[in-house]
């Protein structure tokens, strides 16, 4: 059963719709399967964060070192 914590339509045009979805647990392809069942296949997914840790302005292939509080938060999951 898929139940998003947050769901918001960000943009819409005749060919596509951009939505912001927050989930608690990301099982294998859960978002893709959910939208496909509704008749809306997913063309692109962009992860913007994990837990309370946002990616910010990081570009594809870039990285940064985690702060101590971020490491501590990840240990709680």
PDB file of N, CA and C in Angstrom:
ATOM      1  N   UNK A   1       0.846  -1.178   0.000  1.00  0.00           N
ATOM      2  CA  UNK A   1       0.000   0.000   0.000  1.00  0.00           C
ATOM      3  C   UNK A   1       0.889   1.238   0.000  1.00  0.00           C
ATOM      4  N   UNK A   2       0.645   2.125  -0.920  1.00  0.00           N
ATOM      5  CA  UNK A   2       1.437   3.349  -1.052  1.00  0.00           C
ATOM      6  C   UNK A   2       0.634   4.515  -0.495  1.00  0.00           C
ATOM      7  N   UNK A   3       1.223   5.201   0.463  1.00  0.00           N
ATOM      8  CA  UNK A   3       0.565   6.365   1.042  1.00  0.00           C
ATOM      9  C   UNK A   3       1.608   7.471   1.221  1.00  0.00           C
ATOM     10  N   UNK A   4       1.582   8.488   0.344  1.00  0.00           N
ATOM     11  CA  UNK A   4       2.572   9.551   0.467  1.00  0.00           C
ATOM     12  C   UNK A   4       2.304  10.427   1.690  1.00  0.00           C
ATOM     13  N   UNK A   5       3.387  10.932   2.298  1.00  0.00           N
ATOM     14  CA  UNK A   5       3.250  11.873   3.404  1.00  0.00           C
ATOM     15  C   UNK A   5       2.857  13.246   2.890  1.00  0.00           C
ATOM     16  N   UNK A   6       3.334  13.585   1.701  1.00  0.00           N
ATOM     17  CA  UNK A   6       3.018  14.871   1.080  1.00  0.00           C
ATOM     18  C   UNK A   6       2.894  14.660  -0.412  1.00  0.00           C
ATOM     19  N   UNK A   7       1.946  15.356  -1.026  1.00  0.00           N
ATOM     20  CA  UNK A   7       1.736  15.270  -2.469  1.00  0.00           C
ATOM     21  C   UNK A   7       1.302  16.647  -2.953  1.00  0.00           C
ATOM     22  N   UNK A   8       2.061  17.217  -3.898  1.00  0.00           N
ATOM     23  CA  UNK A   8       1.739  18.562  -4.368  1.00  0.00           C
ATOM     24  C   UNK A   8       2.025  18.650  -5.863  1.00  0.00           C
ATOM     25  N   UNK A   9       1.058  19.157  -6.634  1.00  0.00           N
ATOM     26  CA  UNK A   9       1.270  19.397  -8.061  1.00  0.00           C
ATOM     27  C   UNK A   9       2.053  20.699  -8.186  1.00  0.00           C
ATOM     28  N   UNK A  10       3.243  20.619  -8.781  1.00  0.00           N
ATOM     29  CA  UNK A  10       4.120  21.786  -8.889  1.00  0.00           C
ATOM     30  C   UNK A  10       3.934  22.527 -10.204  1.00  0.00           C
ATOM     31  N   UNK A  11       3.727  21.787 -11.294  1.00  0.00           N
ATOM     32  CA  UNK A  11       3.589  22.423 -12.606  1.00  0.00           C
ATOM     33  C   UNK A  11       2.827  21.475 -13.516  1.00  0.00           C
ATOM     34  N   UNK A  12       2.158  22.038 -14.492  1.00  0.00           N
ATOM     35  CA  UNK A  12       1.360  21.230 -15.406  1.00  0.00           C
ATOM     36  C   UNK A  12       1.414  21.866 -16.784  1.00  0.00           C
ATOM     37  N   UNK A  13       1.543  21.034 -17.808  1.00  0.00           N
ATOM     38  CA  UNK A  13       1.446  21.497 -19.190  1.00  0.00           C
ATOM     39  C   UNK A  13       0.728  20.410 -19.987  1.00  0.00           C
ATOM     40  N   UNK A  14       0.442  20.633 -21.267  1.00  0.00           N
ATOM     41  CA  UNK A  14      -0.320  19.622 -22.031  1.00  0.00           C
ATOM     42  C   UNK A  14       0.344  18.255 -22.122  1.00  0.00           C
ATOM     43  N   UNK A  15       1.676  18.183 -21.984  1.00  0.00           N
ATOM     44  CA  UNK A  15       2.385  16.914 -22.145  1.00  0.00           C
ATOM     45  C   UNK A  15       2.787  16.248 -20.842  1.00  0.00           C
ATOM     46  N   UNK A  16       2.865  17.015 -19.732  1.00  0.00           N
ATOM     47  CA  UNK A  16       3.352  16.412 -18.495  1.00  0.00           C
ATOM     48  C   UNK A  16       2.881  17.194 -17.274  1.00  0.00           C
ATOM     49  N   UNK A  17       3.030  16.548 -16.129  1.00  0.00           N
ATOM     50  CA  UNK A  17       2.722  17.162 -14.846  1.00  0.00           C
ATOM     51  C   UNK A  17       3.869  16.877 -13.901  1.00  0.00           C
ATOM     52  N   UNK A  18       4.357  17.922 -13.231  1.00  0.00           N
ATOM     53  CA  UNK A  18       5.415  17.785 -12.239  1.00  0.00           C
ATOM     54  C   UNK A  18       4.774  17.746 -10.867  1.00  0.00           C
ATOM     55  N   UNK A  19       5.062  16.693 -10.108  1.00  0.00           N
ATOM     56  CA  UNK A  19       4.522  16.584  -8.752  1.00  0.00           C
ATOM     57  C   UNK A  19       5.661  16.420  -7.752  1.00  0.00           C
ATOM     58  N   UNK A  20       5.435  16.885  -6.542  1.00  0.00           N
ATOM     59  CA  UNK A  20       6.376  16.745  -5.435  1.00  0.00           C
ATOM     60  C   UNK A  20       5.757  15.729  -4.489  1.00  0.00           C
ATOM     61  N   UNK A  21       6.447  14.623  -4.269  1.00  0.00           N
ATOM     62  CA  UNK A  21       5.931  13.546  -3.432  1.00  0.00           C
ATOM     63  C   UNK A  21       6.935  13.260  -2.315  1.00  0.00           C
ATOM     64  N   UNK A  22       6.435  13.213  -1.082  1.00  0.00           N
ATOM     65  CA  UNK A  22       7.258  12.817   0.055  1.00  0.00           C
ATOM     66  C   UNK A  22       6.745  11.475   0.544  1.00  0.00           C
ATOM     67  N   UNK A  23       7.660  10.491   0.648  1.00  0.00           N
ATOM     68  CA  UNK A  23       7.272   9.168   1.126  1.00  0.00           C
ATOM     69  C   UNK A  23       8.112   8.816   2.347  1.00  0.00           C
ATOM     70  N   UNK A  24       7.592   7.933   3.156  1.00  0.00           N
ATOM     71  CA  UNK A  24       8.305   7.514   4.361  1.00  0.00           C
ATOM     72  C   UNK A  24       9.301   6.423   4.047  1.00  0.00           C
ATOM     73  N   UNK A  25       8.903   5.491   3.213  1.00  0.00           N
ATOM     74  CA  UNK A  25       9.761   4.362   2.889  1.00  0.00           C
ATOM     75  C   UNK A  25       9.704   4.122   1.391  1.00  0.00           C
ATOM     76  N   UNK A  26      10.852   4.080   0.745  1.00  0.00           N
ATOM     77  CA  UNK A  26      10.908   3.916  -0.704  1.00  0.00           C
ATOM     78  C   UNK A  26      11.185   2.497  -1.119  1.00  0.00           C
ATOM     79  N   UNK A  27      10.169   1.692  -1.201  1.00  0.00           N
ATOM     80  CA  UNK A  27      10.355   0.329  -1.693  1.00  0.00           C
ATOM     81  C   UNK A  27      10.631   0.362  -3.195  1.00  0.00           C
ATOM     82  N   UNK A  28      11.059  -0.743  -3.729  1.00  0.00           N
ATOM     83  CA  UNK A  28      11.480  -0.855  -5.118  1.00  0.00           C
ATOM     84  C   UNK A  28      10.423  -0.325  -6.097  1.00  0.00           C
ATOM     85  N   UNK A  29      10.708   0.769  -6.736  1.00  0.00           N
ATOM     86  CA  UNK A  29       9.871   1.380  -7.776  1.00  0.00           C
ATOM     87  C   UNK A  29       8.452   1.718  -7.325  1.00  0.00           C
ATOM     88  N   UNK A  30       8.241   1.995  -6.054  1.00  0.00           N
ATOM     89  CA  UNK A  30       6.890   2.224  -5.536  1.00  0.00           C
ATOM     90  C   UNK A  30       6.209   3.427  -6.194  1.00  0.00           C
ATOM     91  N   UNK A  31       6.939   4.487  -6.430  1.00  0.00           N
ATOM     92  CA  UNK A  31       6.339   5.673  -7.043  1.00  0.00           C
ATOM     93  C   UNK A  31       5.987   5.398  -8.497  1.00  0.00           C
ATOM     94  N   UNK A  32       6.902   4.780  -9.222  1.00  0.00           N
ATOM     95  CA  UNK A  32       6.621   4.456 -10.626  1.00  0.00           C
ATOM     96  C   UNK A  32       5.397   3.544 -10.750  1.00  0.00           C
ATOM     97  N   UNK A  33       5.349   2.510  -9.935  1.00  0.00           N
ATOM     98  CA  UNK A  33       4.219   1.563 -10.009  1.00  0.00           C
ATOM     99  C   UNK A  33       2.901   2.222  -9.643  1.00  0.00           C
ATOM    100  N   UNK A  34       2.920   3.090  -8.641  1.00  0.00           N
ATOM    101  CA  UNK A  34       1.701   3.783  -8.219  1.00  0.00           C
ATOM    102  C   UNK A  34       1.126   4.618  -9.361  1.00  0.00           C
ATOM    103  N   UNK A  35       1.974   5.436  -9.994  1.00  0.00           N
ATOM    104  CA  UNK A  35       1.487   6.298 -11.065  1.00  0.00           C
ATOM    105  C   UNK A  35       1.113   5.512 -12.312  1.00  0.00           C
ATOM    106  N   UNK A  36       1.814   4.428 -12.604  1.00  0.00           N
ATOM    107  CA  UNK A  36       1.454   3.594 -13.742  1.00  0.00           C
ATOM    108  C   UNK A  36       0.080   2.965 -13.556  1.00  0.00           C
ATOM    109  N   UNK A  37      -0.246   2.563 -12.330  1.00  0.00           N
ATOM    110  CA  UNK A  37      -1.573   2.008 -12.047  1.00  0.00           C
ATOM    111  C   UNK A  37      -2.667   3.051 -12.271  1.00  0.00           C
ATOM    112  N   UNK A  38      -2.336   4.313 -12.085  1.00  0.00           N
ATOM    113  CA  UNK A  38      -3.295   5.394 -12.326  1.00  0.00           C
ATOM    114  C   UNK A  38      -3.349   5.809 -13.794  1.00  0.00           C
ATOM    115  N   UNK A  39      -2.498   5.192 -14.621  1.00  0.00           N
ATOM    116  CA  UNK A  39      -2.468   5.526 -16.042  1.00  0.00           C
ATOM    117  C   UNK A  39      -1.565   6.696 -16.373  1.00  0.00           C
ATOM    118  N   UNK A  40      -0.637   6.996 -15.481  1.00  0.00           N
ATOM    119  CA  UNK A  40       0.296   8.105 -15.689  1.00  0.00           C
ATOM    120  C   UNK A  40       1.731   7.602 -15.512  1.00  0.00           C
ATOM    121  N   UNK A  41       2.333   7.065 -16.576  1.00  0.00           N
ATOM    122  CA  UNK A  41       3.697   6.558 -16.439  1.00  0.00           C
ATOM    123  C   UNK A  41       4.675   7.670 -16.072  1.00  0.00           C
ATOM    124  N   UNK A  42       5.681   7.325 -15.289  1.00  0.00           N
ATOM    125  CA  UNK A  42       6.681   8.283 -14.830  1.00  0.00           C
ATOM    126  C   UNK A  42       7.815   8.339 -15.839  1.00  0.00           C
ATOM    127  N   UNK A  43       8.092   9.529 -16.348  1.00  0.00           N
ATOM    128  CA  UNK A  43       9.176   9.709 -17.305  1.00  0.00           C
ATOM    129  C   UNK A  43      10.491  10.007 -16.593  1.00  0.00           C
ATOM    130  N   UNK A  44      10.406  10.673 -15.427  1.00  0.00           N
ATOM    131  CA  UNK A  44      11.629  11.080 -14.735  1.00  0.00           C
ATOM    132  C   UNK A  44      11.359  11.233 -13.246  1.00  0.00           C
ATOM    133  N   UNK A  45      12.262  10.698 -12.431  1.00  0.00           N
ATOM    134  CA  UNK A  45      12.210  10.878 -10.978  1.00  0.00           C
ATOM    135  C   UNK A  45      13.470  11.612 -10.539  1.00  0.00           C
ATOM    136  N   UNK A  46      13.309  12.566  -9.644  1.00  0.00           N
ATOM    137  CA  UNK A  46      14.455  13.297  -9.119  1.00  0.00           C
ATOM    138  C   UNK A  46      14.392  13.234  -7.608  1.00  0.00           C
ATOM    139  N   UNK A  47      15.397  12.634  -6.986  1.00  0.00           N
ATOM    140  CA  UNK A  47      15.464  12.588  -5.521  1.00  0.00           C
ATOM    141  C   UNK A  47      16.042  13.914  -5.043  1.00  0.00           C
ATOM    142  N   UNK A  48      15.349  14.558  -4.112  1.00  0.00           N
ATOM    143  CA  UNK A  48      15.821  15.852  -3.613  1.00  0.00           C
ATOM    144  C   UNK A  48      16.326  15.766  -2.176  1.00  0.00           C
ATOM    145  N   UNK A  49      16.178  14.601  -1.546  1.00  0.00           N
ATOM    146  CA  UNK A  49      16.679  14.453  -0.192  1.00  0.00           C
ATOM    147  C   UNK A  49      16.428  13.062   0.335  1.00  0.00           C
ATOM    148  N   UNK A  50      17.094  12.788   1.451  1.00  0.00           N
ATOM    149  CA  UNK A  50      16.909  11.534   2.160  1.00  0.00           C
ATOM    150  C   UNK A  50      16.696  11.893   3.613  1.00  0.00           C
ATOM    151  N   UNK A  51      15.550  11.519   4.158  1.00  0.00           N
ATOM    152  CA  UNK A  51      15.240  11.914   5.525  1.00  0.00           C
ATOM    153  C   UNK A  51      15.182  13.418   5.631  1.00  0.00           C
ATOM    154  N   UNK A  52      15.862  13.970   6.595  1.00  0.00           N
ATOM    155  CA  UNK A  52      15.892  15.417   6.779  1.00  0.00           C
ATOM    156  C   UNK A  52      17.053  16.070   6.041  1.00  0.00           C
ATOM    157  N   UNK A  53      17.775  15.291   5.254  1.00  0.00           N
ATOM    158  CA  UNK A  53      18.948  15.786   4.553  1.00  0.00           C
ATOM    159  C   UNK A  53      18.580  16.107   3.110  1.00  0.00           C
ATOM    160  N   UNK A  54      18.586  17.389   2.795  1.00  0.00           N
ATOM    161  CA  UNK A  54      18.280  17.821   1.434  1.00  0.00           C
ATOM    162  C   UNK A  54      19.540  17.886   0.588  1.00  0.00           C
ATOM    163  N   UNK A  55      19.381  17.699  -0.719  1.00  0.00           N
ATOM    164  CA  UNK A  55      20.523  17.745  -1.613  1.00  0.00           C
ATOM    165  C   UNK A  55      20.947  19.163  -1.948  1.00  0.00           C
ATOM    166  N   UNK A  56      20.059  20.119  -1.766  1.00  0.00           N
ATOM    167  CA  UNK A  56      20.407  21.511  -2.026  1.00  0.00           C
ATOM    168  C   UNK A  56      20.779  21.750  -3.475  1.00  0.00           C
ATOM    169  N   UNK A  57      21.903  22.408  -3.692  1.00  0.00           N
ATOM    170  CA  UNK A  57      22.339  22.778  -5.043  1.00  0.00           C
ATOM    171  C   UNK A  57      23.299  21.783  -5.675  1.00  0.00           C
ATOM    172  N   UNK A  58      23.426  20.587  -5.105  1.00  0.00           N
ATOM    173  CA  UNK A  58      24.340  19.602  -5.677  1.00  0.00           C
ATOM    174  C   UNK A  58      23.882  19.193  -7.074  1.00  0.00           C
ATOM    175  N   UNK A  59      24.818  19.179  -7.998  1.00  0.00           N
ATOM    176  CA  UNK A  59      24.541  18.742  -9.361  1.00  0.00           C
ATOM    177  C   UNK A  59      24.800  17.244  -9.459  1.00  0.00           C
ATOM    178  N   UNK A  60      24.340  16.639 -10.533  1.00  0.00           N
ATOM    179  CA  UNK A  60      24.546  15.213 -10.754  1.00  0.00           C
ATOM    180  C   UNK A  60      26.038  14.900 -10.738  1.00  0.00           C
ATOM    181  N   UNK A  61      26.433  13.903  -9.951  1.00  0.00           N
ATOM    182  CA  UNK A  61      27.822  13.491  -9.843  1.00  0.00           C
ATOM    183  C   UNK A  61      28.610  14.224  -8.765  1.00  0.00           C
ATOM    184  N   UNK A  62      28.069  15.302  -8.219  1.00  0.00           N
ATOM    185  CA  UNK A  62      28.745  16.028  -7.145  1.00  0.00           C
ATOM    186  C   UNK A  62      28.434  15.385  -5.803  1.00  0.00           C
ATOM    187  N   UNK A  63      29.243  15.687  -4.811  1.00  0.00           N
ATOM    188  CA  UNK A  63      29.002  15.188  -3.464  1.00  0.00           C
ATOM    189  C   UNK A  63      29.491  16.211  -2.461  1.00  0.00           C
ATOM    190  N   UNK A  64      29.113  16.004  -1.221  1.00  0.00           N
ATOM    191  CA  UNK A  64      29.616  16.817  -0.121  1.00  0.00           C
ATOM    192  C   UNK A  64      29.720  15.920   1.099  1.00  0.00           C
ATOM    193  N   UNK A  65      30.536  16.321   2.038  1.00  0.00           N
ATOM    194  CA  UNK A  65      30.666  15.560   3.265  1.00  0.00           C
ATOM    195  C   UNK A  65      29.460  15.851   4.159  1.00  0.00           C
ATOM    196  N   UNK A  66      28.976  14.820   4.837  1.00  0.00           N
ATOM    197  CA  UNK A  66      27.850  14.990   5.748  1.00  0.00           C
ATOM    198  C   UNK A  66      28.297  15.687   7.020  1.00  0.00           C
ATOM    199  N   UNK A  67      27.394  16.494   7.566  1.00  0.00           N
ATOM    200  CA  UNK A  67      27.646  17.137   8.855  1.00  0.00           C
ATOM    201  C   UNK A  67      27.384  16.117   9.959  1.00  0.00           C
ATOM    202  N   UNK A  68      27.913  16.364  11.136  1.00  0.00           N
ATOM    203  CA  UNK A  68      27.768  15.415  12.246  1.00  0.00           C
ATOM    204  C   UNK A  68      26.303  15.155  12.567  1.00  0.00           C
ATOM    205  N   UNK A  69      25.458  16.196  12.555  1.00  0.00           N
ATOM    206  CA  UNK A  69      24.048  16.001  12.881  1.00  0.00           C
ATOM    207  C   UNK A  69      23.347  15.168  11.817  1.00  0.00           C
ATOM    208  N   UNK A  70      23.801  15.263  10.549  1.00  0.00           N
ATOM    209  CA  UNK A  70      23.206  14.468   9.480  1.00  0.00           C
ATOM    210  C   UNK A  70      23.542  12.988   9.657  1.00  0.00           C
ATOM    211  N   UNK A  71      24.758  12.695  10.027  1.00  0.00           N
ATOM    212  CA  UNK A  71      25.158  11.310  10.277  1.00  0.00           C
ATOM    213  C   UNK A  71      24.355  10.738  11.436  1.00  0.00           C
ATOM    214  N   UNK A  72      24.179  11.549  12.468  1.00  0.00           N
ATOM    215  CA  UNK A  72      23.403  11.111  13.625  1.00  0.00           C
ATOM    216  C   UNK A  72      21.952  10.824  13.248  1.00  0.00           C
ATOM    217  N   UNK A  73      21.358  11.694  12.412  1.00  0.00           N
ATOM    218  CA  UNK A  73      19.974  11.486  11.961  1.00  0.00           C
ATOM    219  C   UNK A  73      19.847  10.214  11.143  1.00  0.00           C
ATOM    220  N   UNK A  74      20.790   9.967  10.255  1.00  0.00           N
ATOM    221  CA  UNK A  74      20.736   8.759   9.431  1.00  0.00           C
ATOM    222  C   UNK A  74      20.812   7.495  10.270  1.00  0.00           C
ATOM    223  N   UNK A  75      21.530   7.565  11.376  1.00  0.00           N
ATOM    224  CA  UNK A  75      21.633   6.410  12.280  1.00  0.00           C
ATOM    225  C   UNK A  75      20.342   6.085  12.972  1.00  0.00           C
ATOM    226  N   UNK A  76      19.399   7.009  12.983  1.00  0.00           N
ATOM    227  CA  UNK A  76      18.099   6.795  13.644  1.00  0.00           C
ATOM    228  C   UNK A  76      17.127   6.037  12.763  1.00  0.00           C
ATOM    229  N   UNK A  77      17.403   5.931  11.445  1.00  0.00           N
ATOM    230  CA  UNK A  77      16.461   5.261  10.535  1.00  0.00           C
ATOM    231  C   UNK A  77      16.674   3.779  10.512  1.00  0.00           C
TER     232      UNK A  77
END
